[in-house]
């Protein structure tokens, strides 16, 4: 259930058709989940339960066509790479990747 379905309203702007990030023209989102193996964890062998979500702010070349960006740490515990750069420069020039804390270096 979405927050708006509970009567919670955030901000002043209207939502898009699907109330999703992909309502913004040009924004694309991809996701991969890896689920492999069963039983007790054996380091280096599995089982595996992980995933990553990738957000592309527009369909062009992010390095040559940078877009405005800002950051906000939700809880201050997760590992964030590139946060200081975005705070100082105010731009995004890479895909945005979201994964679990221990996979940040691999993403």
PDB file of N, CA and C in Angstrom:
ATOM      1  N   UNK A   1       0.834  -1.169   0.000  1.00  0.00           N
ATOM      2  CA  UNK A   1       0.000   0.000   0.000  1.00  0.00           C
ATOM      3  C   UNK A   1       0.885   1.240   0.000  1.00  0.00           C
ATOM      4  N   UNK A   2       0.523   2.218  -0.810  1.00  0.00           N
ATOM      5  CA  UNK A   2       1.289   3.459  -0.895  1.00  0.00           C
ATOM      6  C   UNK A   2       0.809   4.462   0.154  1.00  0.00           C
ATOM      7  N   UNK A   3       1.709   5.365   0.535  1.00  0.00           N
ATOM      8  CA  UNK A   3       1.386   6.362   1.557  1.00  0.00           C
ATOM      9  C   UNK A   3       0.159   7.185   1.162  1.00  0.00           C
ATOM     10  N   UNK A   4       0.064   7.554  -0.106  1.00  0.00           N
ATOM     11  CA  UNK A   4      -1.081   8.374  -0.540  1.00  0.00           C
ATOM     12  C   UNK A   4      -2.394   7.615  -0.431  1.00  0.00           C
ATOM     13  N   UNK A   5      -2.348   6.294  -0.548  1.00  0.00           N
ATOM     14  CA  UNK A   5      -3.559   5.494  -0.376  1.00  0.00           C
ATOM     15  C   UNK A   5      -4.043   5.523   1.074  1.00  0.00           C
ATOM     16  N   UNK A   6      -3.135   5.852   1.992  1.00  0.00           N
ATOM     17  CA  UNK A   6      -3.488   5.978   3.403  1.00  0.00           C
ATOM     18  C   UNK A   6      -3.879   7.407   3.763  1.00  0.00           C
ATOM     19  N   UNK A   7      -3.884   8.289   2.757  1.00  0.00           N
ATOM     20  CA  UNK A   7      -4.239   9.681   3.002  1.00  0.00           C
ATOM     21  C   UNK A   7      -3.061  10.558   3.371  1.00  0.00           C
ATOM     22  N   UNK A   8      -1.836  10.026   3.303  1.00  0.00           N
ATOM     23  CA  UNK A   8      -0.641  10.818   3.592  1.00  0.00           C
ATOM     24  C   UNK A   8      -0.207  11.535   2.326  1.00  0.00           C
ATOM     25  N   UNK A   9      -0.008  12.837   2.421  1.00  0.00           N
ATOM     26  CA  UNK A   9       0.343  13.646   1.256  1.00  0.00           C
ATOM     27  C   UNK A   9       1.696  14.294   1.498  1.00  0.00           C
ATOM     28  N   UNK A  10       2.608  14.160   0.547  1.00  0.00           N
ATOM     29  CA  UNK A  10       3.952  14.711   0.675  1.00  0.00           C
ATOM     30  C   UNK A  10       4.163  15.784  -0.379  1.00  0.00           C
ATOM     31  N   UNK A  11       4.689  16.916   0.008  1.00  0.00           N
ATOM     32  CA  UNK A  11       4.995  17.970  -0.940  1.00  0.00           C
ATOM     33  C   UNK A  11       3.755  18.670  -1.469  1.00  0.00           C
ATOM     34  N   UNK A  12       4.007  19.529  -2.469  1.00  0.00           N
ATOM     35  CA  UNK A  12       2.917  20.326  -3.033  1.00  0.00           C
ATOM     36  C   UNK A  12       2.639  20.004  -4.491  1.00  0.00           C
ATOM     37  N   UNK A  13       3.526  19.268  -5.130  1.00  0.00           N
ATOM     38  CA  UNK A  13       3.353  18.958  -6.543  1.00  0.00           C
ATOM     39  C   UNK A  13       2.460  17.736  -6.728  1.00  0.00           C
ATOM     40  N   UNK A  14       1.729  17.685  -7.834  1.00  0.00           N
ATOM     41  CA  UNK A  14       0.878  16.515  -8.084  1.00  0.00           C
ATOM     42  C   UNK A  14       1.725  15.296  -8.454  1.00  0.00           C
ATOM     43  N   UNK A  15       1.177  14.118  -8.215  1.00  0.00           N
ATOM     44  CA  UNK A  15       1.872  12.896  -8.603  1.00  0.00           C
ATOM     45  C   UNK A  15       1.631  12.611 -10.077  1.00  0.00           C
ATOM     46  N   UNK A  16       2.457  11.745 -10.639  1.00  0.00           N
ATOM     47  CA  UNK A  16       2.277  11.313 -12.018  1.00  0.00           C
ATOM     48  C   UNK A  16       1.206  10.242 -12.105  1.00  0.00           C
ATOM     49  N   UNK A  17       1.009   9.737 -13.304  1.00  0.00           N
ATOM     50  CA  UNK A  17      -0.038   8.752 -13.564  1.00  0.00           C
ATOM     51  C   UNK A  17       0.084   7.521 -12.664  1.00  0.00           C
ATOM     52  N   UNK A  18       1.314   7.037 -12.465  1.00  0.00           N
ATOM     53  CA  UNK A  18       1.530   5.818 -11.681  1.00  0.00           C
ATOM     54  C   UNK A  18       2.111   6.091 -10.289  1.00  0.00           C
ATOM     55  N   UNK A  19       2.314   7.377  -9.954  1.00  0.00           N
ATOM     56  CA  UNK A  19       2.913   7.755  -8.676  1.00  0.00           C
ATOM     57  C   UNK A  19       4.250   7.036  -8.493  1.00  0.00           C
ATOM     58  N   UNK A  20       5.061   7.037  -9.554  1.00  0.00           N
ATOM     59  CA  UNK A  20       6.336   6.318  -9.557  1.00  0.00           C
ATOM     60  C   UNK A  20       7.435   7.197 -10.142  1.00  0.00           C
ATOM     61  N   UNK A  21       8.670   6.872  -9.830  1.00  0.00           N
ATOM     62  CA  UNK A  21       9.810   7.624 -10.357  1.00  0.00           C
ATOM     63  C   UNK A  21       9.830   7.611 -11.887  1.00  0.00           C
ATOM     64  N   UNK A  22       9.325   6.545 -12.472  1.00  0.00           N
ATOM     65  CA  UNK A  22       9.308   6.431 -13.936  1.00  0.00           C
ATOM     66  C   UNK A  22       8.223   7.288 -14.579  1.00  0.00           C
ATOM     67  N   UNK A  23       7.414   7.982 -13.799  1.00  0.00           N
ATOM     68  CA  UNK A  23       6.480   8.968 -14.352  1.00  0.00           C
ATOM     69  C   UNK A  23       7.236  10.177 -14.901  1.00  0.00           C
ATOM     70  N   UNK A  24       8.460  10.393 -14.441  1.00  0.00           N
ATOM     71  CA  UNK A  24       9.277  11.513 -14.911  1.00  0.00           C
ATOM     72  C   UNK A  24       9.814  11.160 -16.293  1.00  0.00           C
ATOM     73  N   UNK A  25       9.545  11.995 -17.311  1.00  0.00           N
ATOM     74  CA  UNK A  25      10.000  11.681 -18.674  1.00  0.00           C
ATOM     75  C   UNK A  25      11.512  11.446 -18.744  1.00  0.00           C
ATOM     76  N   UNK A  26      11.912  10.351 -19.374  1.00  0.00           N
ATOM     77  CA  UNK A  26      13.321  10.028 -19.570  1.00  0.00           C
ATOM     78  C   UNK A  26      13.936   9.160 -18.489  1.00  0.00           C
ATOM     79  N   UNK A  27      13.334   9.100 -17.307  1.00  0.00           N
ATOM     80  CA  UNK A  27      13.886   8.292 -16.212  1.00  0.00           C
ATOM     81  C   UNK A  27      13.586   6.819 -16.470  1.00  0.00           C
ATOM     82  N   UNK A  28      14.625   5.986 -16.376  1.00  0.00           N
ATOM     83  CA  UNK A  28      14.442   4.539 -16.510  1.00  0.00           C
ATOM     84  C   UNK A  28      15.011   3.851 -15.272  1.00  0.00           C
ATOM     85  N   UNK A  29      14.429   2.705 -14.945  1.00  0.00           N
ATOM     86  CA  UNK A  29      14.839   1.949 -13.765  1.00  0.00           C
ATOM     87  C   UNK A  29      14.991   0.488 -14.149  1.00  0.00           C
ATOM     88  N   UNK A  30      16.073  -0.134 -13.694  1.00  0.00           N
ATOM     89  CA  UNK A  30      16.284  -1.563 -13.902  1.00  0.00           C
ATOM     90  C   UNK A  30      16.613  -2.227 -12.581  1.00  0.00           C
ATOM     91  N   UNK A  31      16.338  -3.517 -12.480  1.00  0.00           N
ATOM     92  CA  UNK A  31      16.591  -4.233 -11.231  1.00  0.00           C
ATOM     93  C   UNK A  31      16.997  -5.674 -11.532  1.00  0.00           C
ATOM     94  N   UNK A  32      17.919  -6.186 -10.743  1.00  0.00           N
ATOM     95  CA  UNK A  32      18.327  -7.591 -10.833  1.00  0.00           C
ATOM     96  C   UNK A  32      18.355  -8.161  -9.418  1.00  0.00           C
ATOM     97  N   UNK A  33      17.759  -9.331  -9.242  1.00  0.00           N
ATOM     98  CA  UNK A  33      17.846 -10.079  -7.983  1.00  0.00           C
ATOM     99  C   UNK A  33      18.575 -11.385  -8.263  1.00  0.00           C
ATOM    100  N   UNK A  34      19.545 -11.720  -7.427  1.00  0.00           N
ATOM    101  CA  UNK A  34      20.248 -12.996  -7.534  1.00  0.00           C
ATOM    102  C   UNK A  34      19.841 -13.868  -6.358  1.00  0.00           C
ATOM    103  N   UNK A  35      19.191 -14.970  -6.647  1.00  0.00           N
ATOM    104  CA  UNK A  35      18.787 -15.939  -5.635  1.00  0.00           C
ATOM    105  C   UNK A  35      19.295 -17.289  -6.119  1.00  0.00           C
ATOM    106  N   UNK A  36      20.269 -17.831  -5.395  1.00  0.00           N
ATOM    107  CA  UNK A  36      20.898 -19.074  -5.827  1.00  0.00           C
ATOM    108  C   UNK A  36      21.273 -19.900  -4.604  1.00  0.00           C
ATOM    109  N   UNK A  37      20.923 -21.159  -4.615  1.00  0.00           N
ATOM    110  CA  UNK A  37      21.332 -22.079  -3.563  1.00  0.00           C
ATOM    111  C   UNK A  37      20.391 -22.112  -2.376  1.00  0.00           C
ATOM    112  N   UNK A  38      20.615 -23.093  -1.521  1.00  0.00           N
ATOM    113  CA  UNK A  38      19.808 -23.330  -0.320  1.00  0.00           C
ATOM    114  C   UNK A  38      20.735 -23.670   0.841  1.00  0.00           C
ATOM    115  N   UNK A  39      20.199 -23.636   2.036  1.00  0.00           N
ATOM    116  CA  UNK A  39      20.924 -24.126   3.203  1.00  0.00           C
ATOM    117  C   UNK A  39      21.827 -23.117   3.863  1.00  0.00           C
ATOM    118  N   UNK A  40      22.742 -23.651   4.693  1.00  0.00           N
ATOM    119  CA  UNK A  40      23.655 -22.834   5.477  1.00  0.00           C
ATOM    120  C   UNK A  40      24.672 -22.131   4.576  1.00  0.00           C
ATOM    121  N   UNK A  41      25.013 -20.889   4.943  1.00  0.00           N
ATOM    122  CA  UNK A  41      25.988 -20.112   4.180  1.00  0.00           C
ATOM    123  C   UNK A  41      27.376 -20.731   4.274  1.00  0.00           C
ATOM    124  N   UNK A  42      27.972 -20.946   3.114  1.00  0.00           N
ATOM    125  CA  UNK A  42      29.360 -21.374   3.011  1.00  0.00           C
ATOM    126  C   UNK A  42      30.072 -20.262   2.251  1.00  0.00           C
ATOM    127  N   UNK A  43      30.939 -19.473   2.941  1.00  0.00           N
ATOM    128  CA  UNK A  43      31.596 -18.346   2.289  1.00  0.00           C
ATOM    129  C   UNK A  43      32.276 -18.753   0.982  1.00  0.00           C
ATOM    130  N   UNK A  44      32.021 -17.972  -0.053  1.00  0.00           N
ATOM    131  CA  UNK A  44      32.586 -18.243  -1.366  1.00  0.00           C
ATOM    132  C   UNK A  44      31.778 -19.212  -2.208  1.00  0.00           C
ATOM    133  N   UNK A  45      30.766 -19.868  -1.602  1.00  0.00           N
ATOM    134  CA  UNK A  45      29.967 -20.848  -2.337  1.00  0.00           C
ATOM    135  C   UNK A  45      28.476 -20.517  -2.346  1.00  0.00           C
ATOM    136  N   UNK A  46      27.959 -19.974  -1.276  1.00  0.00           N
ATOM    137  CA  UNK A  46      26.541 -19.632  -1.242  1.00  0.00           C
ATOM    138  C   UNK A  46      25.860 -20.168  -0.012  1.00  0.00           C
ATOM    139  N   UNK A  47      24.577 -20.047   0.065  1.00  0.00           N
ATOM    140  CA  UNK A  47      23.674 -19.530  -0.957  1.00  0.00           C
ATOM    141  C   UNK A  47      23.798 -18.012  -1.129  1.00  0.00           C
ATOM    142  N   UNK A  48      23.206 -17.506  -2.200  1.00  0.00           N
ATOM    143  CA  UNK A  48      23.276 -16.089  -2.552  1.00  0.00           C
ATOM    144  C   UNK A  48      21.882 -15.486  -2.498  1.00  0.00           C
ATOM    145  N   UNK A  49      21.765 -14.335  -1.866  1.00  0.00           N
ATOM    146  CA  UNK A  49      20.531 -13.549  -1.849  1.00  0.00           C
ATOM    147  C   UNK A  49      20.943 -12.086  -1.929  1.00  0.00           C
ATOM    148  N   UNK A  50      20.914 -11.493  -3.101  1.00  0.00           N
ATOM    149  CA  UNK A  50      21.344 -10.105  -3.259  1.00  0.00           C
ATOM    150  C   UNK A  50      20.654  -9.489  -4.467  1.00  0.00           C
ATOM    151  N   UNK A  51      20.871  -8.222  -4.671  1.00  0.00           N
ATOM    152  CA  UNK A  51      20.282  -7.548  -5.820  1.00  0.00           C
ATOM    153  C   UNK A  51      20.788  -6.125  -5.942  1.00  0.00           C
ATOM    154  N   UNK A  52      20.434  -5.493  -7.047  1.00  0.00           N
ATOM    155  CA  UNK A  52      20.809  -4.100  -7.289  1.00  0.00           C
ATOM    156  C   UNK A  52      19.724  -3.443  -8.136  1.00  0.00           C
ATOM    157  N   UNK A  53      19.464  -2.185  -7.849  1.00  0.00           N
ATOM    158  CA  UNK A  53      18.546  -1.371  -8.645  1.00  0.00           C
ATOM    159  C   UNK A  53      19.362  -0.257  -9.274  1.00  0.00           C
ATOM    160  N   UNK A  54      19.169  -0.019 -10.566  1.00  0.00           N
ATOM    161  CA  UNK A  54      19.868   1.046 -11.280  1.00  0.00           C
ATOM    162  C   UNK A  54      18.847   2.063 -11.776  1.00  0.00           C
ATOM    163  N   UNK A  55      19.139   3.343 -11.546  1.00  0.00           N
ATOM    164  CA  UNK A  55      18.276   4.434 -11.994  1.00  0.00           C
ATOM    165  C   UNK A  55      19.078   5.304 -12.951  1.00  0.00           C
ATOM    166  N   UNK A  56      18.527   5.521 -14.145  1.00  0.00           N
ATOM    167  CA  UNK A  56      19.137   6.421 -15.123  1.00  0.00           C
ATOM    168  C   UNK A  56      18.256   7.664 -15.217  1.00  0.00           C
ATOM    169  N   UNK A  57      18.794   8.838 -14.832  1.00  0.00           N
ATOM    170  CA  UNK A  57      17.984  10.056 -14.825  1.00  0.00           C
ATOM    171  C   UNK A  57      17.487  10.510 -16.196  1.00  0.00           C
ATOM    172  N   UNK A  58      18.197  10.150 -17.250  1.00  0.00           N
ATOM    173  CA  UNK A  58      17.738  10.460 -18.611  1.00  0.00           C
ATOM    174  C   UNK A  58      18.378   9.479 -19.581  1.00  0.00           C
ATOM    175  N   UNK A  59      17.889   9.468 -20.807  1.00  0.00           N
ATOM    176  CA  UNK A  59      18.350   8.490 -21.787  1.00  0.00           C
ATOM    177  C   UNK A  59      19.638   8.843 -22.496  1.00  0.00           C
ATOM    178  N   UNK A  60      20.205  10.005 -22.213  1.00  0.00           N
ATOM    179  CA  UNK A  60      21.433  10.427 -22.885  1.00  0.00           C
ATOM    180  C   UNK A  60      22.681   9.955 -22.158  1.00  0.00           C
ATOM    181  N   UNK A  61      23.806  10.566 -22.509  1.00  0.00           N
ATOM    182  CA  UNK A  61      25.090  10.276 -21.891  1.00  0.00           C
ATOM    183  C   UNK A  61      25.220  11.131 -20.630  1.00  0.00           C
ATOM    184  N   UNK A  62      25.144  10.511 -19.460  1.00  0.00           N
ATOM    185  CA  UNK A  62      25.185  11.262 -18.205  1.00  0.00           C
ATOM    186  C   UNK A  62      26.498  12.003 -17.995  1.00  0.00           C
ATOM    187  N   UNK A  63      27.574  11.505 -18.567  1.00  0.00           N
ATOM    188  CA  UNK A  63      28.861  12.173 -18.377  1.00  0.00           C
ATOM    189  C   UNK A  63      28.922  13.485 -19.150  1.00  0.00           C
ATOM    190  N   UNK A  64      28.377  13.494 -20.365  1.00  0.00           N
ATOM    191  CA  UNK A  64      28.415  14.723 -21.167  1.00  0.00           C
ATOM    192  C   UNK A  64      27.159  15.574 -20.997  1.00  0.00           C
ATOM    193  N   UNK A  65      26.070  14.971 -20.528  1.00  0.00           N
ATOM    194  CA  UNK A  65      24.811  15.695 -20.310  1.00  0.00           C
ATOM    195  C   UNK A  65      24.406  15.529 -18.847  1.00  0.00           C
ATOM    196  N   UNK A  66      25.170  16.158 -17.976  1.00  0.00           N
ATOM    197  CA  UNK A  66      24.938  16.030 -16.539  1.00  0.00           C
ATOM    198  C   UNK A  66      23.554  16.571 -16.167  1.00  0.00           C
ATOM    199  N   UNK A  67      23.005  16.092 -15.059  1.00  0.00           N
ATOM    200  CA  UNK A  67      21.701  16.591 -14.618  1.00  0.00           C
ATOM    201  C   UNK A  67      21.813  17.090 -13.176  1.00  0.00           C
ATOM    202  N   UNK A  68      20.952  18.031 -12.788  1.00  0.00           N
ATOM    203  CA  UNK A  68      20.975  18.525 -11.412  1.00  0.00           C
ATOM    204  C   UNK A  68      20.706  17.386 -10.430  1.00  0.00           C
ATOM    205  N   UNK A  69      21.344  17.449  -9.275  1.00  0.00           N
ATOM    206  CA  UNK A  69      21.177  16.380  -8.284  1.00  0.00           C
ATOM    207  C   UNK A  69      21.347  16.937  -6.875  1.00  0.00           C
ATOM    208  N   UNK A  70      20.802  16.214  -5.919  1.00  0.00           N
ATOM    209  CA  UNK A  70      20.961  16.528  -4.498  1.00  0.00           C
ATOM    210  C   UNK A  70      20.924  15.210  -3.736  1.00  0.00           C
ATOM    211  N   UNK A  71      21.386  15.227  -2.509  1.00  0.00           N
ATOM    212  CA  UNK A  71      21.390  14.017  -1.690  1.00  0.00           C
ATOM    213  C   UNK A  71      20.781  14.311  -0.326  1.00  0.00           C
ATOM    214  N   UNK A  72      20.268  13.258   0.297  1.00  0.00           N
ATOM    215  CA  UNK A  72      19.743  13.344   1.658  1.00  0.00           C
ATOM    216  C   UNK A  72      19.977  12.001   2.332  1.00  0.00           C
ATOM    217  N   UNK A  73      20.764  11.969   3.416  1.00  0.00           N
ATOM    218  CA  UNK A  73      20.988  10.694   4.114  1.00  0.00           C
ATOM    219  C   UNK A  73      19.767  10.340   4.960  1.00  0.00           C
ATOM    220  N   UNK A  74      19.135   9.213   4.655  1.00  0.00           N
ATOM    221  CA  UNK A  74      17.938   8.816   5.382  1.00  0.00           C
ATOM    222  C   UNK A  74      18.238   8.463   6.833  1.00  0.00           C
ATOM    223  N   UNK A  75      19.279   7.640   7.054  1.00  0.00           N
ATOM    224  CA  UNK A  75      19.560   7.225   8.426  1.00  0.00           C
ATOM    225  C   UNK A  75      21.027   7.377   8.814  1.00  0.00           C
ATOM    226  N   UNK A  76      21.888   7.712   7.872  1.00  0.00           N
ATOM    227  CA  UNK A  76      23.293   7.903   8.175  1.00  0.00           C
ATOM    228  C   UNK A  76      24.080   6.630   8.404  1.00  0.00           C
ATOM    229  N   UNK A  77      23.461   5.464   8.248  1.00  0.00           N
ATOM    230  CA  UNK A  77      24.152   4.202   8.510  1.00  0.00           C
ATOM    231  C   UNK A  77      24.636   3.532   7.231  1.00  0.00           C
ATOM    232  N   UNK A  78      23.861   3.599   6.175  1.00  0.00           N
ATOM    233  CA  UNK A  78      24.223   2.942   4.924  1.00  0.00           C
ATOM    234  C   UNK A  78      25.464   3.558   4.296  1.00  0.00           C
ATOM    235  N   UNK A  79      26.086   2.806   3.423  1.00  0.00           N
ATOM    236  CA  UNK A  79      27.284   3.284   2.736  1.00  0.00           C
ATOM    237  C   UNK A  79      26.880   4.017   1.461  1.00  0.00           C
ATOM    238  N   UNK A  80      27.298   5.252   1.351  1.00  0.00           N
ATOM    239  CA  UNK A  80      26.972   6.062   0.181  1.00  0.00           C
ATOM    240  C   UNK A  80      28.261   6.482  -0.509  1.00  0.00           C
ATOM    241  N   UNK A  81      28.366   6.159  -1.773  1.00  0.00           N
ATOM    242  CA  UNK A  81      29.540   6.521  -2.554  1.00  0.00           C
ATOM    243  C   UNK A  81      29.159   7.693  -3.455  1.00  0.00           C
ATOM    244  N   UNK A  82      29.954   8.741  -3.456  1.00  0.00           N
ATOM    245  CA  UNK A  82      29.704   9.883  -4.325  1.00  0.00           C
ATOM    246  C   UNK A  82      28.824  10.959  -3.725  1.00  0.00           C
ATOM    247  N   UNK A  83      28.423  10.786  -2.472  1.00  0.00           N
ATOM    248  CA  UNK A  83      27.535  11.755  -1.844  1.00  0.00           C
ATOM    249  C   UNK A  83      28.179  13.140  -1.717  1.00  0.00           C
ATOM    250  N   UNK A  84      29.421  13.176  -1.295  1.00  0.00           N
ATOM    251  CA  UNK A  84      30.106  14.465  -1.126  1.00  0.00           C
ATOM    252  C   UNK A  84      30.256  15.182  -2.464  1.00  0.00           C
ATOM    253  N   UNK A  85      30.523  14.421  -3.526  1.00  0.00           N
ATOM    254  CA  UNK A  85      30.651  15.019  -4.857  1.00  0.00           C
ATOM    255  C   UNK A  85      29.344  15.689  -5.263  1.00  0.00           C
ATOM    256  N   UNK A  86      28.231  14.992  -5.061  1.00  0.00           N
ATOM    257  CA  UNK A  86      26.927  15.557  -5.426  1.00  0.00           C
ATOM    258  C   UNK A  86      26.626  16.781  -4.568  1.00  0.00           C
ATOM    259  N   UNK A  87      26.944  16.731  -3.265  1.00  0.00           N
ATOM    260  CA  UNK A  87      26.720  17.891  -2.399  1.00  0.00           C
ATOM    261  C   UNK A  87      27.508  19.102  -2.881  1.00  0.00           C
ATOM    262  N   UNK A  88      28.759  18.906  -3.267  1.00  0.00           N
ATOM    263  CA  UNK A  88      29.610  20.017  -3.679  1.00  0.00           C
ATOM    264  C   UNK A  88      29.313  20.513  -5.086  1.00  0.00           C
ATOM    265  N   UNK A  89      29.063  19.599  -6.021  1.00  0.00           N
ATOM    266  CA  UNK A  89      28.882  19.981  -7.423  1.00  0.00           C
ATOM    267  C   UNK A  89      27.414  20.194  -7.806  1.00  0.00           C
ATOM    268  N   UNK A  90      26.499  19.495  -7.134  1.00  0.00           N
ATOM    269  CA  UNK A  90      25.080  19.633  -7.446  1.00  0.00           C
ATOM    270  C   UNK A  90      24.666  18.990  -8.755  1.00  0.00           C
ATOM    271  N   UNK A  91      25.461  18.012  -9.213  1.00  0.00           N
ATOM    272  CA  UNK A  91      25.153  17.339 -10.480  1.00  0.00           C
ATOM    273  C   UNK A  91      25.292  15.826 -10.335  1.00  0.00           C
ATOM    274  N   UNK A  92      24.686  15.120 -11.280  1.00  0.00           N
ATOM    275  CA  UNK A  92      24.802  13.669 -11.373  1.00  0.00           C
ATOM    276  C   UNK A  92      25.378  13.346 -12.740  1.00  0.00           C
ATOM    277  N   UNK A  93      26.431  12.543 -12.774  1.00  0.00           N
ATOM    278  CA  UNK A  93      27.026  12.159 -14.054  1.00  0.00           C
ATOM    279  C   UNK A  93      27.248  10.650 -14.153  1.00  0.00           C
ATOM    280  N   UNK A  94      26.546   9.894 -13.317  1.00  0.00           N
ATOM    281  CA  UNK A  94      26.633   8.432 -13.313  1.00  0.00           C
ATOM    282  C   UNK A  94      25.254   7.848 -13.048  1.00  0.00           C
ATOM    283  N   UNK A  95      25.039   6.586 -13.423  1.00  0.00           N
ATOM    284  CA  UNK A  95      23.800   5.925 -13.000  1.00  0.00           C
ATOM    285  C   UNK A  95      23.748   5.874 -11.469  1.00  0.00           C
ATOM    286  N   UNK A  96      22.566   5.856 -10.914  1.00  0.00           N
ATOM    287  CA  UNK A  96      22.377   5.747  -9.470  1.00  0.00           C
ATOM    288  C   UNK A  96      22.114   4.275  -9.170  1.00  0.00           C
ATOM    289  N   UNK A  97      22.962   3.672  -8.335  1.00  0.00           N
ATOM    290  CA  UNK A  97      22.838   2.249  -8.011  1.00  0.00           C
ATOM    291  C   UNK A  97      22.491   2.085  -6.540  1.00  0.00           C
ATOM    292  N   UNK A  98      21.504   1.238  -6.267  1.00  0.00           N
ATOM    293  CA  UNK A  98      21.074   0.972  -4.897  1.00  0.00           C
ATOM    294  C   UNK A  98      21.220  -0.526  -4.648  1.00  0.00           C
ATOM    295  N   UNK A  99      21.962  -0.874  -3.583  1.00  0.00           N
ATOM    296  CA  UNK A  99      22.181  -2.279  -3.249  1.00  0.00           C
ATOM    297  C   UNK A  99      22.356  -2.408  -1.742  1.00  0.00           C
ATOM    298  N   UNK A 100      22.618  -3.610  -1.264  1.00  0.00           N
ATOM    299  CA  UNK A 100      22.838  -3.778   0.176  1.00  0.00           C
ATOM    300  C   UNK A 100      24.221  -3.253   0.556  1.00  0.00           C
ATOM    301  N   UNK A 101      24.391  -2.918   1.820  1.00  0.00           N
ATOM    302  CA  UNK A 101      25.610  -2.271   2.295  1.00  0.00           C
ATOM    303  C   UNK A 101      26.879  -3.034   1.936  1.00  0.00           C
ATOM    304  N   UNK A 102      26.886  -4.354   2.066  1.00  0.00           N
ATOM    305  CA  UNK A 102      28.097  -5.127   1.812  1.00  0.00           C
ATOM    306  C   UNK A 102      28.405  -5.286   0.329  1.00  0.00           C
ATOM    307  N   UNK A 103      27.490  -4.890  -0.551  1.00  0.00           N
ATOM    308  CA  UNK A 103      27.719  -5.005  -1.992  1.00  0.00           C
ATOM    309  C   UNK A 103      28.041  -3.674  -2.664  1.00  0.00           C
ATOM    310  N   UNK A 104      28.168  -2.606  -1.896  1.00  0.00           N
ATOM    311  CA  UNK A 104      28.410  -1.289  -2.489  1.00  0.00           C
ATOM    312  C   UNK A 104      29.658  -1.294  -3.366  1.00  0.00           C
ATOM    313  N   UNK A 105      30.733  -1.901  -2.921  1.00  0.00           N
ATOM    314  CA  UNK A 105      31.964  -1.933  -3.709  1.00  0.00           C
ATOM    315  C   UNK A 105      31.855  -2.737  -4.984  1.00  0.00           C
ATOM    316  N   UNK A 106      30.968  -3.706  -5.017  1.00  0.00           N
ATOM    317  CA  UNK A 106      30.802  -4.557  -6.199  1.00  0.00           C
ATOM    318  C   UNK A 106      29.848  -3.954  -7.221  1.00  0.00           C
ATOM    319  N   UNK A 107      28.968  -3.060  -6.774  1.00  0.00           N
ATOM    320  CA  UNK A 107      27.971  -2.482  -7.679  1.00  0.00           C
ATOM    321  C   UNK A 107      28.643  -1.553  -8.653  1.00  0.00           C
TER     322      UNK A 107
END
